[in-house]
Amino acid sequence: MSTENPPSPYVAIEDVAKYFSVSISTVRAWLRQGYIPKTTYIKVGNTYRFHLAAVVEHLTTVVTSESADDTTQPA
């Protein structure tokens, strides 16, 4: 029987940036702009921990719905 703790569902900001292939500054901008909702992360002091699956789900849902809402057509 293993005594190791199970892996945490929460990851560091670096892991979110790596997953989306963007800089850490971009993830911070997404936080400031509200693209990443408060329900998908916890903040302790100056440290953020993100529930990666929830962030991915939210951002992919937002991008998909924005694409569907785009009714502009080329001239």
Protein backbone atom coordinates (compact mmCIF):
# COMPACT_ATOMS: atom_id res chain seq x y z
CA MET A 1 0.00 0.00 0.00
CA SER A 2 1.38 3.37 -1.04
CA THR A 3 1.59 6.24 1.43
CA GLU A 4 2.03 8.88 -1.30
CA ASN A 5 -0.51 11.67 -1.54
CA PRO A 6 -2.62 11.65 -4.70
CA PRO A 7 -1.68 14.33 -7.22
CA SER A 8 -3.37 17.66 -6.60
CA PRO A 9 -6.01 18.73 -9.09
CA TYR A 10 -4.59 22.25 -8.73
CA VAL A 11 -1.55 23.34 -10.72
CA ALA A 12 0.75 26.35 -10.73
CA ILE A 13 0.41 29.26 -13.14
CA GLU A 14 3.43 27.95 -15.05
CA ASP A 15 1.54 24.75 -15.85
CA VAL A 16 -1.46 26.70 -17.19
CA ALA A 17 0.85 28.78 -19.40
CA LYS A 18 2.61 25.66 -20.64
CA TYR A 19 -0.70 23.90 -21.39
CA PHE A 20 -1.94 26.79 -23.55
CA SER A 21 1.54 27.54 -24.98
CA VAL A 22 1.43 31.14 -23.76
CA SER A 23 3.54 33.19 -21.38
CA ILE A 24 2.86 33.50 -17.68
CA SER A 25 2.18 37.20 -18.34
CA THR A 26 -0.64 36.18 -20.68
CA VAL A 27 -2.23 34.00 -18.01
CA ARG A 28 -1.99 36.90 -15.56
CA ALA A 29 -3.65 39.18 -18.14
CA TRP A 30 -6.44 36.62 -18.57
CA LEU A 31 -6.95 36.73 -14.80
CA ARG A 32 -7.10 40.55 -14.74
CA GLN A 33 -9.48 40.64 -17.70
CA GLY A 34 -11.76 38.02 -16.18
CA TYR A 35 -11.24 35.36 -18.87
CA ILE A 36 -10.37 32.88 -16.12
CA PRO A 37 -13.24 32.87 -13.60
CA LYS A 38 -12.59 32.92 -9.87
CA THR A 39 -14.34 29.56 -9.51
CA THR A 40 -11.47 27.85 -11.36
CA TYR A 41 -8.61 28.81 -9.05
CA ILE A 42 -7.60 29.49 -5.49
CA LYS A 43 -5.27 32.24 -4.33
CA VAL A 44 -3.23 32.09 -1.15
CA GLY A 45 -1.16 35.20 -0.62
CA ASN A 46 0.40 35.93 -3.99
CA THR A 47 0.24 32.32 -5.16
CA TYR A 48 -2.39 31.04 -7.57
CA ARG A 49 -3.34 27.40 -8.01
CA PHE A 50 -5.59 26.53 -10.93
CA HIS A 51 -7.95 23.62 -11.47
CA LEU A 52 -6.62 22.99 -14.97
CA ALA A 53 -9.59 20.97 -16.22
CA ALA A 54 -12.02 23.74 -15.17
CA VAL A 55 -9.88 26.45 -16.79
CA VAL A 56 -9.64 24.48 -20.04
CA GLU A 57 -13.38 23.81 -20.04
CA HIS A 58 -14.23 27.47 -19.45
CA LEU A 59 -11.81 28.89 -21.99
CA THR A 60 -12.78 26.42 -24.71
CA THR A 61 -16.47 27.10 -24.05
CA VAL A 62 -15.90 30.87 -24.29
CA VAL A 63 -13.93 30.56 -27.53
CA THR A 64 -16.53 28.23 -29.05
CA SER A 65 -19.44 30.49 -28.13
CA GLU A 66 -17.63 33.60 -29.41
CA SER A 67 -17.00 31.86 -32.73
CA ALA A 68 -20.70 30.98 -32.97
CA ASP A 69 -21.69 34.57 -32.18
CA ASP A 70 -19.41 36.01 -34.88
CA THR A 71 -21.83 36.98 -37.62
CA THR A 72 -19.51 39.23 -39.57
CA GLN A 73 -19.15 38.18 -43.15
CA PRO A 74 -16.45 39.20 -45.61
CA ALA A 75 -17.39 41.86 -48.14
